[in-house]
Amino acid sequence: MIWYIIAIILIAIGIGLYIGSRSNKEKIYQMKAAQTYKVSELAQEAKDVAEGLGEPGSFNKIAEVKGRVVCDNPLTSELAQKKCVSYVYRITRKWEETYWDTDEQGRRQQKTRQGSDTVAQNERSVSFFVQDSTGKVKINPEGAEMIREKVYSQFQPGEIGGTTVRIGHFSVSIPSITVGGGRRTLGYEYEESILPLDTDIYVLGEAADTGGDIALQKPSDTKKKFLISVKSEEELLRNLKGAMTAMLIGGVVCGIGGIVVLILQILGIMPNN
């Protein structure tokens, strides 16, 4: 029975990796297909459409822009206390526990394993502008896939003593931890990533003048990507291509491996448990 389970797991992993590779391939295609605009070019095209139709609000197209982040009312990140237009933090409890395992011969032995649980997290974003040499365009970040810059990473060993985490002026309540069954807390990991002010970013989304002024936002077509990244388009494409290739190879290997194990088990070549 165990070999059937292993085969199914391998095939499921292979399918998941293949789906992931297809998703990356679609993202690469959309990034390459989208036209890169200067802000003034987007504004002029929206104006031409409005004049041709007699009213604004009819312009929308997939576009990408590149420039620096500008915002009059930025956020302050929770952990690093840095000015930004988007941040996400996560506090993770790392633990270790002992447990008993029974091998194929029925012998019990004590083992140790480690794991983690997310005990607190939060994400916030505000509208901002991308400014290039020709002007600035508004970005409505709701629904975007964000690739931010990591600005805080710290591990504090041991239990916190209570149910409140404090780092400088930041504090957050976490669920009370009931320790039992040989499990003990190794410590807590704190991580935060932001989209900082005055940094170069890449944005792929739908440019529209629905509200009168042109802005980039989540596409009305759910199949289209909305991406905001501190990494350049070139770096993103390199990373996506590498991940796509690795997922595809891994998917094929796992899928074939699972099928081989399944066939060998059906033919009775694999040992029964």
Protein backbone atom coordinates (compact mmCIF):
# COMPACT_ATOMS: atom_id res chain seq x y z
CA MET A 1 0.00 0.00 0.00
CA ILE A 2 2.85 2.38 0.86
CA TRP A 3 4.18 2.19 -2.71
CA TYR A 4 0.79 3.15 -4.14
CA ILE A 5 0.78 6.19 -1.86
CA ILE A 6 4.32 7.12 -2.90
CA ALA A 7 3.39 6.78 -6.58
CA ILE A 8 0.31 8.98 -6.19
CA ILE A 9 2.32 11.61 -4.28
CA LEU A 10 5.02 11.68 -6.97
CA ILE A 11 2.46 12.00 -9.77
CA ALA A 12 0.62 14.77 -7.87
CA ILE A 13 3.88 16.67 -7.34
CA GLY A 14 4.72 16.26 -11.02
CA ILE A 15 1.34 17.66 -12.07
CA GLY A 16 1.72 20.58 -9.65
CA LEU A 17 5.18 21.43 -10.97
CA TYR A 18 3.97 21.23 -14.56
CA ILE A 19 1.08 23.60 -13.79
CA GLY A 20 3.56 25.96 -12.13
CA SER A 21 5.81 25.92 -15.18
CA ARG A 22 2.83 26.74 -17.43
CA SER A 23 1.90 29.66 -15.18
CA ASN A 24 5.43 31.06 -15.42
CA LYS A 25 5.39 30.58 -19.19
CA GLU A 26 2.15 32.59 -19.44
CA LYS A 27 3.61 35.36 -17.29
CA ILE A 28 6.72 35.52 -19.49
CA TYR A 29 4.53 35.71 -22.60
CA GLN A 30 2.43 38.57 -21.20
CA MET A 31 5.50 40.54 -20.11
CA LYS A 32 7.08 40.20 -23.54
CA ALA A 33 3.81 40.99 -25.34
CA ALA A 34 3.06 44.16 -23.35
CA GLN A 35 4.26 47.43 -24.81
CA THR A 36 6.50 49.60 -22.63
CA TYR A 37 5.24 53.16 -22.41
CA LYS A 38 6.60 56.47 -21.28
CA VAL A 39 4.05 58.25 -19.08
CA SER A 40 3.55 60.99 -21.66
CA GLU A 41 2.87 58.38 -24.36
CA LEU A 42 0.13 56.76 -22.27
CA ALA A 43 -1.43 60.14 -21.56
CA GLN A 44 -1.38 61.10 -25.23
CA GLU A 45 -2.91 57.81 -26.34
CA ALA A 46 -5.68 58.13 -23.74
CA LYS A 47 -6.32 61.69 -24.91
CA ASP A 48 -6.54 60.60 -28.54
CA VAL A 49 -9.06 57.89 -27.67
CA ALA A 50 -11.15 60.33 -25.62
CA GLU A 51 -11.19 62.88 -28.43
CA GLY A 52 -12.05 60.24 -31.01
CA LEU A 53 -15.00 58.95 -28.98
CA GLY A 54 -16.03 62.33 -27.68
CA GLU A 55 -15.59 61.54 -23.98
CA PRO A 56 -12.99 60.18 -21.54
CA GLY A 57 -13.36 56.84 -19.79
CA SER A 58 -13.08 54.58 -22.85
CA PHE A 59 -9.33 54.03 -22.85
CA ASN A 60 -7.92 50.78 -21.48
CA LYS A 61 -5.05 48.57 -22.57
CA ILE A 62 -2.39 46.29 -21.09
CA ALA A 63 0.82 48.25 -20.69
CA GLU A 64 4.02 48.34 -18.69
CA VAL A 65 5.77 51.36 -17.20
CA LYS A 66 9.10 51.85 -15.48
CA GLY A 67 10.10 54.65 -13.16
CA ARG A 68 10.50 55.76 -9.55
CA VAL A 69 8.00 55.45 -6.70
CA VAL A 70 6.43 58.74 -5.61
CA CYS A 71 3.82 59.18 -2.88
CA ASP A 72 2.66 62.17 -0.82
CA ASN A 73 1.16 60.04 1.99
CA PRO A 74 3.35 56.95 2.34
CA LEU A 75 3.10 54.17 4.92
CA THR A 76 5.66 53.39 7.62
CA SER A 77 6.52 49.70 7.79
CA GLU A 78 5.90 47.97 11.12
CA LEU A 79 9.23 46.27 11.82
CA ALA A 80 11.88 48.24 9.93
CA GLN A 81 10.03 51.58 10.36
CA LYS A 82 10.80 52.58 6.76
CA LYS A 83 8.72 54.81 4.50
CA CYS A 84 7.06 52.84 1.74
CA VAL A 85 3.89 52.38 -0.33
CA SER A 86 3.44 48.70 0.49
CA TYR A 87 4.67 46.32 3.16
CA VAL A 88 4.12 42.81 4.43
CA TYR A 89 5.47 41.29 7.62
CA ARG A 90 5.31 37.77 8.98
CA ILE A 91 6.19 36.34 12.39
CA THR A 92 6.89 32.62 12.37
CA ARG A 93 7.29 30.31 15.35
CA LYS A 94 9.97 27.66 14.83
CA TRP A 95 9.55 24.49 16.87
CA GLU A 96 11.03 21.07 17.44
CA GLU A 97 9.34 17.94 18.73
CA THR A 98 10.11 14.33 19.52
CA TYR A 99 7.86 11.54 18.34
CA TRP A 100 7.77 7.76 18.04
CA ASP A 101 8.01 6.07 14.64
CA THR A 102 7.47 2.43 13.77
CA ASP A 103 9.62 0.95 10.99
CA GLU A 104 8.74 -1.87 8.56
CA GLN A 105 9.84 -4.50 11.09
CA GLY A 106 7.53 -3.10 13.76
CA ARG A 107 10.36 -1.60 15.82
CA ARG A 108 9.61 1.71 17.53
CA GLN A 109 12.22 4.41 17.69
CA GLN A 110 12.21 7.97 18.90
CA LYS A 111 12.88 10.68 16.33
CA THR A 112 13.03 14.49 16.19
CA ARG A 113 11.46 16.78 13.64
CA GLN A 114 11.20 20.52 13.17
CA GLY A 115 8.42 22.70 11.83
CA SER A 116 7.00 26.20 11.89
CA ASP A 117 3.71 28.07 12.28
CA THR A 118 2.82 31.61 11.22
CA VAL A 119 1.59 33.37 14.37
CA ALA A 120 1.12 36.91 13.00
CA GLN A 121 1.16 38.65 9.63
CA ASN A 122 -0.14 41.81 8.00
CA GLU A 123 -0.05 43.46 4.58
CA ARG A 124 -0.86 47.05 3.61
CA SER A 125 -0.60 49.10 0.41
CA VAL A 126 -1.59 52.61 -0.70
CA SER A 127 -2.00 54.18 -4.11
CA PHE A 128 1.12 55.87 -5.46
CA PHE A 129 2.70 57.23 -8.64
CA VAL A 130 5.41 55.99 -10.97
CA GLN A 131 7.44 58.89 -12.30
CA ASP A 132 9.71 58.86 -15.32
CA SER A 133 11.40 61.62 -17.31
CA THR A 134 8.10 62.58 -18.99
CA GLY A 135 5.67 62.69 -16.07
CA LYS A 136 3.95 60.47 -13.53
CA VAL A 137 1.09 57.97 -13.63
CA LYS A 138 -1.06 56.69 -10.76
CA ILE A 139 -0.84 53.06 -9.63
CA ASN A 140 -3.80 51.44 -7.87
CA PRO A 141 -2.08 48.42 -6.28
CA GLU A 142 -5.12 46.46 -5.12
CA GLY A 143 -4.95 42.90 -6.44
CA ALA A 144 -1.36 43.16 -7.68
CA GLU A 145 1.30 40.50 -7.34
CA MET A 146 3.99 42.37 -5.41
CA ILE A 147 7.70 41.65 -5.57
CA ARG A 148 9.07 43.72 -2.71
CA GLU A 149 12.47 44.35 -1.14
CA LYS A 150 13.27 42.51 2.10
CA VAL A 151 14.29 45.04 4.74
CA TYR A 152 14.01 43.10 7.99
CA SER A 153 15.00 39.56 8.94
CA GLN A 154 15.74 38.48 12.49
CA PHE A 155 15.57 35.28 14.51
CA GLN A 156 15.09 35.45 18.27
CA PRO A 157 15.69 32.13 20.06
CA GLY A 158 13.46 30.87 22.86
CA GLU A 159 9.89 31.57 23.93
CA ILE A 160 8.68 35.17 24.10
CA GLY A 161 7.13 34.91 27.56
CA GLY A 162 3.51 35.98 27.17
CA THR A 163 1.29 36.59 24.17
CA THR A 164 2.65 39.95 22.95
CA VAL A 165 5.57 40.42 20.56
CA ARG A 166 7.46 43.72 20.92
CA ILE A 167 10.13 45.07 18.59
CA GLY A 168 10.93 48.72 19.24
CA HIS A 169 7.63 50.62 19.04
CA PHE A 170 5.93 47.70 17.30
CA SER A 171 3.82 45.22 19.23
CA VAL A 172 1.30 42.57 18.21
CA SER A 173 -0.67 39.95 20.09
CA ILE A 174 -0.18 36.34 19.07
CA PRO A 175 -2.20 33.23 19.95
CA SER A 176 -1.22 31.55 23.19
CA ILE A 177 0.95 28.50 22.57
CA THR A 178 0.17 25.22 24.32
CA VAL A 179 3.34 23.20 24.40
CA GLY A 180 2.91 19.44 24.69
CA GLY A 181 3.75 16.10 23.18
CA GLY A 182 7.49 16.77 23.33
CA ARG A 183 7.22 19.96 21.26
CA ARG A 184 9.29 22.97 22.26
CA THR A 185 9.74 26.43 20.80
CA LEU A 186 13.12 27.07 19.18
CA GLY A 187 12.41 30.75 18.60
CA TYR A 188 10.62 33.30 16.45
CA GLU A 189 11.55 34.56 12.98
CA TYR A 190 10.58 38.11 11.99
CA GLU A 191 10.56 39.12 8.32
CA GLU A 192 9.36 42.21 6.49
CA SER A 193 9.45 43.30 2.85
CA ILE A 194 8.48 46.68 1.43
CA LEU A 195 8.01 48.69 -1.75
CA PRO A 196 10.12 51.69 -0.74
CA LEU A 197 9.82 55.30 -1.79
CA ASP A 198 12.11 56.73 -4.44
CA THR A 199 13.10 53.35 -5.87
CA ASP A 200 12.96 52.13 -9.46
CA ILE A 201 10.11 49.70 -10.14
CA TYR A 202 8.46 47.81 -12.97
CA VAL A 203 4.66 47.72 -13.36
CA LEU A 204 2.59 45.54 -15.70
CA GLY A 205 -1.16 46.14 -15.63
CA GLU A 206 -4.17 47.66 -17.31
CA ALA A 207 -3.91 51.37 -18.10
CA ALA A 208 -7.34 52.99 -17.97
CA ASP A 209 -8.89 56.44 -17.62
CA THR A 210 -12.06 55.22 -15.90
CA GLY A 211 -11.85 57.88 -13.19
CA GLY A 212 -10.94 60.65 -15.59
CA ASP A 213 -7.20 60.45 -14.90
CA ILE A 214 -5.18 57.61 -16.32
CA ALA A 215 -4.01 54.91 -13.89
CA LEU A 216 -2.56 51.40 -13.95
CA GLN A 217 -4.67 48.84 -12.13
CA LYS A 218 -5.75 45.21 -11.97
CA PRO A 219 -6.94 44.11 -15.45
CA SER A 220 -10.65 43.51 -15.95
CA ASP A 221 -9.65 40.29 -17.75
CA THR A 222 -8.79 37.91 -14.90
CA LYS A 223 -6.36 36.01 -17.12
CA LYS A 224 -4.15 39.08 -17.44
CA LYS A 225 -1.35 39.69 -14.94
CA PHE A 226 -0.98 42.67 -12.62
CA LEU A 227 2.61 42.84 -11.44
CA ILE A 228 4.50 45.43 -9.38
CA SER A 229 8.17 44.69 -8.81
CA VAL A 230 11.33 46.25 -7.41
CA LYS A 231 13.20 43.90 -9.74
CA SER A 232 13.73 44.99 -13.33
CA GLU A 233 11.86 43.40 -16.20
CA GLU A 234 15.08 41.77 -17.38
CA GLU A 235 15.78 40.23 -13.95
CA LEU A 236 12.20 39.02 -13.63
CA LEU A 237 12.34 37.32 -17.03
CA ARG A 238 15.61 35.58 -16.15
CA ASN A 239 14.18 34.33 -12.85
CA LEU A 240 10.91 33.19 -14.44
CA LYS A 241 12.70 31.31 -17.23
CA GLY A 242 14.97 29.56 -14.73
CA ALA A 243 12.05 28.60 -12.47
CA MET A 244 9.98 27.44 -15.44
CA THR A 245 12.76 25.14 -16.65
CA ALA A 246 13.38 23.73 -13.17
CA MET A 247 9.66 23.11 -12.60
CA LEU A 248 9.26 21.44 -15.98
CA ILE A 249 12.22 19.10 -15.41
CA GLY A 250 11.10 18.35 -11.86
CA GLY A 251 7.55 17.72 -13.01
CA VAL A 252 8.65 15.26 -15.69
CA VAL A 253 11.01 13.42 -13.31
CA CYS A 254 8.39 13.14 -10.54
CA GLY A 255 5.63 12.17 -12.96
CA ILE A 256 7.68 9.45 -14.66
CA GLY A 257 8.98 8.23 -11.30
CA GLY A 258 5.44 7.93 -9.94
CA ILE A 259 4.23 6.05 -13.01
CA VAL A 260 7.20 3.66 -12.87
CA VAL A 261 6.59 2.91 -9.18
CA LEU A 262 2.89 2.36 -9.88
CA ILE A 263 3.58 -0.04 -12.77
CA LEU A 264 6.18 -2.00 -10.76
CA GLN A 265 3.74 -2.34 -7.88
CA ILE A 266 0.94 -3.55 -10.17
CA LEU A 267 3.31 -6.11 -11.72
CA GLY A 268 4.29 -7.26 -8.24
CA ILE A 269 7.95 -6.32 -8.65
CA MET A 270 7.94 -3.84 -5.75
CA PRO A 271 7.93 -5.41 -2.25
CA ASN A 272 4.60 -5.36 -0.36
CA ASN A 273 4.37 -3.71 3.06
